[in-house]
Amino acid sequence: MQKKINKQWHGYLLGVLLPAISLVIIYFALASDFKFVDFIRYLNVRGDLSRALSLSVLPNLGLFFVFIWTDRLKAAQGVLGSTIILALIIVFMRFM
């Protein structure tokens, strides 16, 4: 019998890891010749860090719908929760 990923903490974990992986993909696509820390500093100085983080959260939408369609509602709740937390952090960064 195969176990399903259907716990809320699974959703929170995947909802945080997927944006981190997406941010690394953005880094490799745009500025792989720099160090990752320098890339983050550059985005912060330009005021584009919140925009890059916003783009990196978008794949959570797909993960959320996959969990909904496969009837893994607890994991979908976790993804939604982590997305809301990340969105609040991004809004705070954007306006402070």
C-alpha atoms as a PDB file:
ATOM      1  CA  MET A   1       0.000   0.000   0.000  1.00  0.00           C
ATOM      2  CA  GLN A   2       1.387   3.359  -1.034  1.00  0.00           C
ATOM      3  CA  LYS A   3       1.186   6.264   1.403  1.00  0.00           C
ATOM      4  CA  LYS A   4      -0.193   9.549   0.147  1.00  0.00           C
ATOM      5  CA  ILE A   5       1.398  12.889   0.880  1.00  0.00           C
ATOM      6  CA  ASN A   6      -1.612  14.364   2.629  1.00  0.00           C
ATOM      7  CA  LYS A   7      -0.483  16.033   5.807  1.00  0.00           C
ATOM      8  CA  GLN A   8      -0.540  19.747   6.351  1.00  0.00           C
ATOM      9  CA  TRP A   9       3.157  19.933   7.194  1.00  0.00           C
ATOM     10  CA  HIS A  10       3.952  18.258   3.850  1.00  0.00           C
ATOM     11  CA  GLY A  11       2.176  21.132   2.135  1.00  0.00           C
ATOM     12  CA  TYR A  12       3.995  23.737   4.222  1.00  0.00           C
ATOM     13  CA  LEU A  13       7.339  22.113   3.500  1.00  0.00           C
ATOM     14  CA  LEU A  14       6.729  21.830  -0.243  1.00  0.00           C
ATOM     15  CA  GLY A  15       5.185  25.309  -0.290  1.00  0.00           C
ATOM     16  CA  VAL A  16       8.462  26.753   1.018  1.00  0.00           C
ATOM     17  CA  LEU A  17      10.864  24.512  -0.911  1.00  0.00           C
ATOM     18  CA  LEU A  18       9.295  25.068  -4.324  1.00  0.00           C
ATOM     19  CA  PRO A  19       9.738  28.884  -4.245  1.00  0.00           C
ATOM     20  CA  ALA A  20      13.329  28.423  -3.030  1.00  0.00           C
ATOM     21  CA  ILE A  21      14.036  26.100  -5.952  1.00  0.00           C
ATOM     22  CA  SER A  22      12.311  28.540  -8.310  1.00  0.00           C
ATOM     23  CA  LEU A  23      14.494  31.389  -7.035  1.00  0.00           C
ATOM     24  CA  VAL A  24      17.594  29.290  -7.712  1.00  0.00           C
ATOM     25  CA  ILE A  25      16.319  28.611 -11.240  1.00  0.00           C
ATOM     26  CA  ILE A  26      15.808  32.361 -11.739  1.00  0.00           C
ATOM     27  CA  TYR A  27      19.377  32.878 -10.514  1.00  0.00           C
ATOM     28  CA  PHE A  28      20.798  30.347 -12.993  1.00  0.00           C
ATOM     29  CA  ALA A  29      18.734  31.834 -15.821  1.00  0.00           C
ATOM     30  CA  LEU A  30      19.740  35.435 -15.186  1.00  0.00           C
ATOM     31  CA  ALA A  31      23.067  35.693 -13.369  1.00  0.00           C
ATOM     32  CA  SER A  32      24.836  32.378 -12.948  1.00  0.00           C
ATOM     33  CA  ASP A  33      28.230  34.051 -13.413  1.00  0.00           C
ATOM     34  CA  PHE A  34      27.795  35.824 -10.043  1.00  0.00           C
ATOM     35  CA  LYS A  35      27.584  34.276  -6.599  1.00  0.00           C
ATOM     36  CA  PHE A  36      24.059  33.637  -5.363  1.00  0.00           C
ATOM     37  CA  VAL A  37      24.512  35.990  -2.403  1.00  0.00           C
ATOM     38  CA  ASP A  38      25.716  38.760  -4.735  1.00  0.00           C
ATOM     39  CA  PHE A  39      22.673  38.176  -6.951  1.00  0.00           C
ATOM     40  CA  ILE A  40      20.344  38.571  -3.949  1.00  0.00           C
ATOM     41  CA  ARG A  41      22.191  41.733  -2.852  1.00  0.00           C
ATOM     42  CA  TYR A  42      21.962  43.148  -6.373  1.00  0.00           C
ATOM     43  CA  LEU A  43      18.209  42.520  -6.484  1.00  0.00           C
ATOM     44  CA  ASN A  44      17.832  44.096  -3.054  1.00  0.00           C
ATOM     45  CA  VAL A  45      19.788  47.216  -4.032  1.00  0.00           C
ATOM     46  CA  ARG A  46      17.736  47.635  -7.216  1.00  0.00           C
ATOM     47  CA  GLY A  47      14.502  47.080  -5.304  1.00  0.00           C
ATOM     48  CA  ASP A  48      13.650  44.009  -7.368  1.00  0.00           C
ATOM     49  CA  LEU A  49      13.981  41.352  -4.656  1.00  0.00           C
ATOM     50  CA  SER A  50      10.273  41.409  -3.837  1.00  0.00           C
ATOM     51  CA  ARG A  51       9.468  41.012  -7.538  1.00  0.00           C
ATOM     52  CA  ALA A  52      11.793  38.032  -7.894  1.00  0.00           C
ATOM     53  CA  LEU A  53      10.307  36.445  -4.781  1.00  0.00           C
ATOM     54  CA  SER A  54       6.807  37.037  -6.166  1.00  0.00           C
ATOM     55  CA  LEU A  55       7.731  35.187  -9.340  1.00  0.00           C
ATOM     56  CA  SER A  56       9.263  32.351  -7.380  1.00  0.00           C
ATOM     57  CA  VAL A  57       6.012  31.801  -5.447  1.00  0.00           C
ATOM     58  CA  LEU A  58       3.946  31.289  -8.619  1.00  0.00           C
ATOM     59  CA  PRO A  59       4.740  27.550  -8.960  1.00  0.00           C
ATOM     60  CA  ASN A  60       2.890  27.042  -5.670  1.00  0.00           C
ATOM     61  CA  LEU A  61      -0.289  27.647  -7.634  1.00  0.00           C
ATOM     62  CA  GLY A  62       0.337  24.556  -9.727  1.00  0.00           C
ATOM     63  CA  LEU A  63       1.263  22.503  -6.676  1.00  0.00           C
ATOM     64  CA  PHE A  64      -1.914  23.653  -4.921  1.00  0.00           C
ATOM     65  CA  PHE A  65      -4.100  22.551  -7.839  1.00  0.00           C
ATOM     66  CA  VAL A  66      -2.314  19.198  -8.128  1.00  0.00           C
ATOM     67  CA  PHE A  67      -3.067  18.538  -4.472  1.00  0.00           C
ATOM     68  CA  ILE A  68      -6.703  19.600  -4.928  1.00  0.00           C
ATOM     69  CA  TRP A  69      -7.212  17.450  -8.034  1.00  0.00           C
ATOM     70  CA  THR A  70      -5.656  14.384  -6.378  1.00  0.00           C
ATOM     71  CA  ASP A  71      -7.848  14.831  -3.282  1.00  0.00           C
ATOM     72  CA  ARG A  72      -4.985  15.729  -0.924  1.00  0.00           C
ATOM     73  CA  LEU A  73      -6.790  18.542   0.814  1.00  0.00           C
ATOM     74  CA  LYS A  74      -4.612  18.726   3.940  1.00  0.00           C
ATOM     75  CA  ALA A  75      -1.462  19.162   1.843  1.00  0.00           C
ATOM     76  CA  ALA A  76      -3.274  21.785  -0.240  1.00  0.00           C
ATOM     77  CA  GLN A  77      -4.076  23.651   2.980  1.00  0.00           C
ATOM     78  CA  GLY A  78      -0.385  23.622   3.855  1.00  0.00           C
ATOM     79  CA  VAL A  79       0.616  24.977   0.446  1.00  0.00           C
ATOM     80  CA  LEU A  80      -1.998  27.703   0.747  1.00  0.00           C
ATOM     81  CA  GLY A  81      -0.800  28.576   4.241  1.00  0.00           C
ATOM     82  CA  SER A  82       2.840  28.825   3.234  1.00  0.00           C
ATOM     83  CA  THR A  83       1.893  30.889   0.170  1.00  0.00           C
ATOM     84  CA  ILE A  84      -0.047  33.335   2.337  1.00  0.00           C
ATOM     85  CA  ILE A  85       2.892  33.645   4.745  1.00  0.00           C
ATOM     86  CA  LEU A  86       5.313  34.232   1.860  1.00  0.00           C
ATOM     87  CA  ALA A  87       2.935  36.777   0.323  1.00  0.00           C
ATOM     88  CA  LEU A  88       2.792  38.706   3.600  1.00  0.00           C
ATOM     89  CA  ILE A  89       6.591  38.706   3.769  1.00  0.00           C
ATOM     90  CA  ILE A  90       6.790  39.986   0.179  1.00  0.00           C
ATOM     91  CA  VAL A  91       4.234  42.740   0.854  1.00  0.00           C
ATOM     92  CA  PHE A  92       6.175  43.750   3.960  1.00  0.00           C
ATOM     93  CA  MET A  93       9.418  43.876   1.962  1.00  0.00           C
ATOM     94  CA  ARG A  94       7.774  45.831  -0.842  1.00  0.00           C
ATOM     95  CA  PHE A  95       6.366  48.621   1.294  1.00  0.00           C
ATOM     96  CA  MET A  96       9.015  48.925   4.025  1.00  0.00           C
END
